[in-house]
Amino acid sequence: MLGLGMASFCLVGMLGQQFLAEVLSLSYEERQGYDELHVYVFWAFALTSVVLFLVRRRARRSDLEDRRYGLVATLLKRLWVDLDENAPVELKLDLSPCDEARKSVGKLKRGKWNCEDFTDPWLSLKGRFADGTHLHVSMVERLQKRKRFATVGRGKRRLKLKRKGKALLQVGLRVKPERFPGLSRLDASARRAVRLPAGVKLSRLDVAGDRVSMRALLDLDWVDRVASEPEAKKELNPLDPSGIRTSPAHDASRAATMMLLSLYQVLNFARSARHHGNKRALP
């Protein structure tokens, strides 16, 4: 859509400029006798240019990231079979860019850099599994934009820009305390049950009597789903004779799935301790 709008905008602009140049090259008498229809055509070109420009600006703001709704679609597809069909699924999804002005949380200066921080809590997914366990998946992106002017050769000034940030993925389960007595006592050893994809770091793990949750850090350039092995082989760089790919981006859907399985593993240990009537330690 953006490409088509840009092409149309450029074409109309070129035709309008050509027409204007033609009119201005005429003498006063010739200009007076110029057909009125051509004047209407000129103003039509001008009006169309303005309209296309406004459409293009609106389209750019609505040029959404595929990975965000791709992540939600992948998670729902994986979880749907285990969700309670009689319970609603609550979804809050913000597809606007992370660096929108309304998401700015502060500006500061770090040395020579002018910095602006953004916080974007763009995802909240709530549901209930068939076993009665309540699920909550959320994601927050934190971005810092930096800029400064640097002096290059011959005294010229050039603007330098940098971006850095992290994505915080959180998965939580809420249960009935009577089903998992002693869950809170697993707090110290529950980390042994955590399994995460390579490169994804555990940021926080909370265990209480009626809930368990964990938060992980992903790179800001995470993807919704990494291609399967046959698909991945097709994406190898043909210029690389070794066929070795660079480090893949963090797979957010796989991270969320492994986090969920890790939390259920913690619940299983608590349930096992209840059945055996002792404090069973995690392996």
Protein backbone atom coordinates (compact mmCIF):
# COMPACT_ATOMS: atom_id res chain seq x y z
CA MET A 1 0.00 0.00 0.00
CA LEU A 2 2.80 2.41 0.85
CA GLY A 3 4.65 1.60 -2.36
CA LEU A 4 1.58 2.22 -4.51
CA GLY A 5 0.75 5.45 -2.70
CA MET A 6 4.33 6.69 -3.05
CA ALA A 7 4.41 5.89 -6.78
CA SER A 8 1.09 7.66 -7.38
CA PHE A 9 2.24 10.66 -5.36
CA CYS A 10 5.47 10.98 -7.34
CA LEU A 11 3.68 10.55 -10.70
CA VAL A 12 1.09 13.21 -9.92
CA GLY A 13 3.77 15.54 -8.65
CA MET A 14 5.86 15.14 -11.82
CA LEU A 15 2.86 15.76 -14.08
CA GLY A 16 1.85 18.80 -12.05
CA GLN A 17 5.37 20.27 -12.24
CA GLN A 18 5.52 19.63 -15.98
CA PHE A 19 2.18 21.31 -16.51
CA LEU A 20 3.16 24.30 -14.36
CA ALA A 21 6.43 24.73 -16.26
CA GLU A 22 4.54 24.65 -19.55
CA VAL A 23 2.11 27.35 -18.40
CA LEU A 24 4.86 29.61 -17.05
CA SER A 25 6.78 29.40 -20.35
CA LEU A 26 3.90 30.99 -22.26
CA SER A 27 3.60 34.71 -22.93
CA TYR A 28 0.94 36.78 -21.21
CA GLU A 29 -1.33 36.75 -24.26
CA GLU A 30 -0.92 33.01 -24.75
CA ARG A 31 -1.57 32.43 -21.08
CA GLN A 32 -4.79 34.44 -21.25
CA GLY A 33 -6.00 32.34 -24.14
CA TYR A 34 -5.09 29.07 -22.55
CA ASP A 35 -8.01 26.73 -22.45
CA GLU A 36 -9.85 26.93 -19.13
CA LEU A 37 -10.02 23.14 -19.05
CA HIS A 38 -6.27 22.91 -18.62
CA VAL A 39 -6.46 25.17 -15.56
CA TYR A 40 -9.01 22.81 -14.04
CA VAL A 41 -6.72 19.91 -14.82
CA PHE A 42 -3.83 21.64 -13.06
CA TRP A 43 -5.84 22.25 -9.90
CA ALA A 44 -7.09 18.68 -10.04
CA PHE A 45 -3.47 17.50 -10.09
CA ALA A 46 -2.63 19.76 -7.15
CA LEU A 47 -5.60 18.60 -5.09
CA THR A 48 -4.87 14.95 -5.85
CA SER A 49 -1.25 15.43 -4.75
CA VAL A 50 -2.35 16.80 -1.38
CA VAL A 51 -4.87 13.98 -0.86
CA LEU A 52 -2.31 11.29 -1.73
CA PHE A 53 0.20 12.89 0.60
CA LEU A 54 -2.27 12.75 3.49
CA VAL A 55 -3.23 9.17 2.65
CA ARG A 56 0.42 8.17 2.58
CA ARG A 57 1.03 9.71 6.00
CA ARG A 58 -1.96 7.86 7.47
CA ALA A 59 -0.88 4.60 5.82
CA ARG A 60 2.61 4.93 7.27
CA ARG A 61 1.16 5.23 10.78
CA SER A 62 -0.93 2.10 10.19
CA ASP A 63 1.92 0.05 8.68
CA LEU A 64 1.83 -2.52 11.47
CA GLU A 65 4.43 -5.05 12.56
CA ASP A 66 3.51 -8.55 11.41
CA ARG A 67 5.32 -10.12 14.36
CA ARG A 68 2.95 -8.75 16.98
CA TYR A 69 -0.29 -10.21 15.69
CA GLY A 70 1.75 -13.18 14.42
CA LEU A 71 2.81 -13.92 18.00
CA VAL A 72 -0.75 -13.72 19.28
CA ALA A 73 -2.03 -15.95 16.47
CA THR A 74 0.69 -18.54 17.15
CA LEU A 75 0.03 -18.60 20.90
CA LEU A 76 -3.73 -18.94 20.51
CA LYS A 77 -3.26 -21.76 18.01
CA ARG A 78 -1.06 -23.66 20.47
CA LEU A 79 -3.20 -22.99 23.54
CA TRP A 80 -6.66 -23.32 22.05
CA VAL A 81 -7.03 -27.07 22.58
CA ASP A 82 -6.33 -26.71 26.33
CA LEU A 83 -8.44 -23.60 27.00
CA ASP A 84 -11.86 -23.85 28.61
CA GLU A 85 -14.32 -23.52 25.75
CA ASN A 86 -16.87 -21.89 28.08
CA ALA A 87 -14.48 -19.23 29.40
CA PRO A 88 -13.78 -15.99 27.52
CA VAL A 89 -10.34 -15.01 26.29
CA GLU A 90 -9.42 -11.41 27.04
CA LEU A 91 -6.97 -9.83 24.62
CA LYS A 92 -5.49 -6.34 24.67
CA LEU A 93 -3.27 -5.68 21.68
CA ASP A 94 -1.51 -2.44 20.75
CA LEU A 95 -0.09 -2.57 17.22
CA SER A 96 1.19 1.01 17.09
CA PRO A 97 4.97 1.66 16.97
CA CYS A 98 6.97 1.44 20.17
CA ASP A 99 8.33 4.98 19.76
CA GLU A 100 5.03 6.84 19.51
CA ALA A 101 5.06 10.12 21.43
CA ARG A 102 2.39 8.92 23.91
CA LYS A 103 4.67 6.04 24.96
CA SER A 104 7.56 8.29 25.93
CA VAL A 105 8.39 8.07 29.64
CA GLY A 106 11.18 10.62 29.86
CA LYS A 107 14.08 12.44 28.26
CA LEU A 108 17.57 12.77 29.66
CA LYS A 109 21.12 13.52 28.62
CA ARG A 110 23.88 10.91 28.91
CA GLY A 111 27.20 12.52 28.14
CA LYS A 112 26.95 13.88 24.61
CA TRP A 113 23.83 11.87 23.82
CA ASN A 114 20.27 13.16 24.03
CA CYS A 115 18.18 10.16 25.09
CA GLU A 116 14.47 9.44 25.11
CA ASP A 117 12.97 6.37 26.76
CA PHE A 118 9.80 4.58 25.67
CA THR A 119 7.74 1.90 27.44
CA ASP A 120 5.21 -0.04 25.38
CA PRO A 121 2.98 -2.57 27.24
CA TRP A 122 1.49 -3.77 23.96
CA LEU A 123 0.18 -7.25 24.86
CA SER A 124 -2.08 -8.71 27.53
CA LEU A 125 -3.68 -12.12 27.00
CA LYS A 126 -5.86 -13.72 29.67
CA GLY A 127 -7.70 -17.02 29.61
CA ARG A 128 -8.62 -20.11 31.63
CA PHE A 129 -7.54 -23.65 30.97
CA ALA A 130 -9.89 -26.61 31.17
CA ASP A 131 -8.32 -27.63 34.50
CA GLY A 132 -9.37 -24.30 36.04
CA THR A 133 -5.93 -22.67 35.96
CA HIS A 134 -5.98 -19.00 34.93
CA LEU A 135 -3.38 -17.87 32.40
CA HIS A 136 -1.93 -14.41 31.83
CA VAL A 137 0.62 -13.63 29.11
CA SER A 138 1.95 -10.10 28.70
CA MET A 139 4.77 -8.35 26.89
CA VAL A 140 6.38 -4.95 27.37
CA GLU A 141 8.96 -3.40 25.07
CA ARG A 142 11.40 -0.83 26.40
CA LEU A 143 13.27 1.31 23.91
CA GLN A 144 15.86 4.04 24.25
CA LYS A 145 16.55 6.33 21.30
CA ARG A 146 19.81 8.30 21.31
CA LYS A 147 20.98 11.12 19.09
CA ARG A 148 23.82 13.59 18.95
CA PHE A 149 25.67 15.72 16.45
CA ALA A 150 29.25 14.75 15.62
CA THR A 151 31.83 16.82 13.76
CA VAL A 152 33.33 15.06 10.76
CA GLY A 153 35.89 16.11 8.15
CA ARG A 154 36.12 19.80 7.24
CA GLY A 155 34.01 20.86 10.18
CA LYS A 156 30.80 19.28 8.90
CA ARG A 157 28.22 18.21 11.47
CA ARG A 158 26.45 14.90 11.13
CA LEU A 159 23.54 13.53 13.14
CA LYS A 160 24.19 10.14 14.76
CA LEU A 161 21.31 7.94 15.89
CA LYS A 162 21.28 4.84 18.09
CA ARG A 163 18.57 2.54 19.40
CA LYS A 164 18.70 -0.06 22.12
CA GLY A 165 16.20 -1.86 24.26
CA LYS A 166 14.72 -5.11 25.54
CA ALA A 167 11.43 -6.97 25.43
CA LEU A 168 10.01 -8.33 28.69
CA LEU A 169 7.84 -11.41 28.25
CA GLN A 170 5.83 -12.53 31.28
CA VAL A 171 3.73 -15.67 31.77
CA GLY A 172 1.70 -16.30 34.92
CA LEU A 173 -0.63 -18.96 36.28
CA ARG A 174 -3.21 -18.50 39.04
CA VAL A 175 -4.53 -21.60 40.85
CA LYS A 176 -6.67 -22.58 43.83
CA PRO A 177 -4.39 -22.76 46.90
CA GLU A 178 -6.07 -25.89 48.25
CA ARG A 179 -5.05 -27.80 45.12
CA PHE A 180 -1.37 -26.96 45.62
CA PRO A 181 -0.63 -26.61 49.34
CA GLY A 182 3.02 -25.94 49.88
CA LEU A 183 3.44 -24.21 46.52
CA SER A 184 4.96 -21.17 48.19
CA ARG A 185 7.61 -23.37 49.84
CA LEU A 186 9.04 -24.17 46.40
CA ASP A 187 10.16 -20.58 45.87
CA ALA A 188 13.85 -21.22 46.55
CA SER A 189 14.16 -24.35 44.40
CA ALA A 190 11.61 -23.59 41.66
CA ARG A 191 14.31 -22.09 39.42
CA ARG A 192 15.57 -25.60 38.71
CA ALA A 193 12.36 -26.28 36.76
CA VAL A 194 12.90 -23.32 34.44
CA ARG A 195 13.72 -24.12 30.82
CA LEU A 196 14.20 -21.34 28.27
CA PRO A 197 15.42 -21.11 24.65
CA ALA A 198 19.10 -20.37 24.13
CA GLY A 199 19.89 -16.70 24.64
CA VAL A 200 16.65 -15.88 26.48
CA LYS A 201 17.39 -14.83 30.06
CA LEU A 202 15.27 -15.35 33.14
CA SER A 203 14.59 -11.99 34.76
CA ARG A 204 12.23 -12.92 37.57
CA LEU A 205 10.42 -15.91 39.08
CA ASP A 206 7.65 -15.45 41.65
CA VAL A 207 5.98 -18.28 43.55
CA ALA A 208 3.12 -17.69 46.01
CA GLY A 209 0.38 -19.79 47.53
CA ASP A 210 -2.09 -19.18 44.71
CA ARG A 211 0.08 -18.21 41.76
CA VAL A 212 3.37 -18.67 39.96
CA SER A 213 4.83 -16.41 37.29
CA MET A 214 8.07 -15.77 35.47
CA ARG A 215 9.52 -13.00 33.34
CA ALA A 216 12.16 -13.35 30.64
CA LEU A 217 14.28 -10.88 28.67
CA LEU A 218 14.32 -11.04 24.87
CA ASP A 219 16.17 -8.96 22.32
CA LEU A 220 14.18 -6.09 20.87
CA ASP A 221 14.36 -7.69 17.41
CA TRP A 222 12.52 -10.86 18.53
CA VAL A 223 10.42 -12.78 16.02
CA ASP A 224 7.01 -14.36 16.47
CA ARG A 225 8.13 -17.78 15.25
CA VAL A 226 11.40 -19.21 13.96
CA ALA A 227 11.08 -21.22 10.77
CA SER A 228 11.15 -24.99 11.05
CA GLU A 229 14.32 -26.82 10.00
CA PRO A 230 13.28 -27.45 6.33
CA GLU A 231 12.23 -23.80 6.01
CA ALA A 232 15.36 -22.59 7.74
CA LYS A 233 17.60 -24.42 5.27
CA LYS A 234 15.97 -22.48 2.44
CA GLU A 235 16.90 -19.23 4.19
CA LEU A 236 20.63 -19.98 4.39
CA ASN A 237 22.82 -17.27 2.92
CA PRO A 238 23.88 -18.57 -0.51
CA LEU A 239 27.01 -16.39 -0.31
CA ASP A 240 28.19 -18.26 2.77
CA PRO A 241 29.95 -21.44 1.54
CA SER A 242 29.84 -22.98 5.01
CA GLY A 243 26.08 -22.71 5.16
CA ILE A 244 26.31 -21.42 8.74
CA ARG A 245 23.70 -18.88 9.78
CA THR A 246 24.24 -16.04 12.19
CA SER A 247 22.64 -16.23 15.64
CA PRO A 248 18.87 -16.45 15.14
CA ALA A 249 16.55 -13.88 16.66
CA HIS A 250 14.74 -14.83 19.83
CA ASP A 251 11.60 -16.86 19.13
CA ALA A 252 8.94 -15.23 21.34
CA SER A 253 6.27 -17.91 20.83
CA ARG A 254 8.71 -20.70 21.73
CA ALA A 255 9.89 -18.75 24.77
CA ALA A 256 6.30 -18.26 25.97
CA THR A 257 5.53 -21.97 25.44
CA MET A 258 8.61 -23.10 27.37
CA MET A 259 7.83 -20.64 30.17
CA LEU A 260 4.33 -22.05 30.45
CA LEU A 261 5.64 -25.63 30.56
CA SER A 262 8.18 -24.63 33.23
CA LEU A 263 5.43 -23.14 35.40
CA TYR A 264 3.33 -26.27 35.07
CA GLN A 265 6.38 -28.28 36.10
CA VAL A 266 6.54 -26.24 39.31
CA LEU A 267 2.84 -26.97 39.92
CA ASN A 268 3.46 -30.66 39.33
CA PHE A 269 6.16 -30.71 41.99
CA ALA A 270 3.80 -29.02 44.46
CA ARG A 271 1.05 -31.53 43.66
CA SER A 272 3.47 -34.44 44.00
CA ALA A 273 4.53 -33.18 47.43
CA ARG A 274 0.88 -33.09 48.46
CA HIS A 275 0.19 -36.65 47.32
CA HIS A 276 3.27 -38.06 49.04
CA GLY A 277 2.78 -36.01 52.17
CA ASN A 278 6.36 -34.80 52.24
CA LYS A 279 8.51 -31.99 50.94
CA ARG A 280 9.77 -33.35 47.70
CA ALA A 281 12.83 -31.50 46.49
CA LEU A 282 13.24 -30.53 42.88
CA PRO A 283 15.87 -32.56 41.00
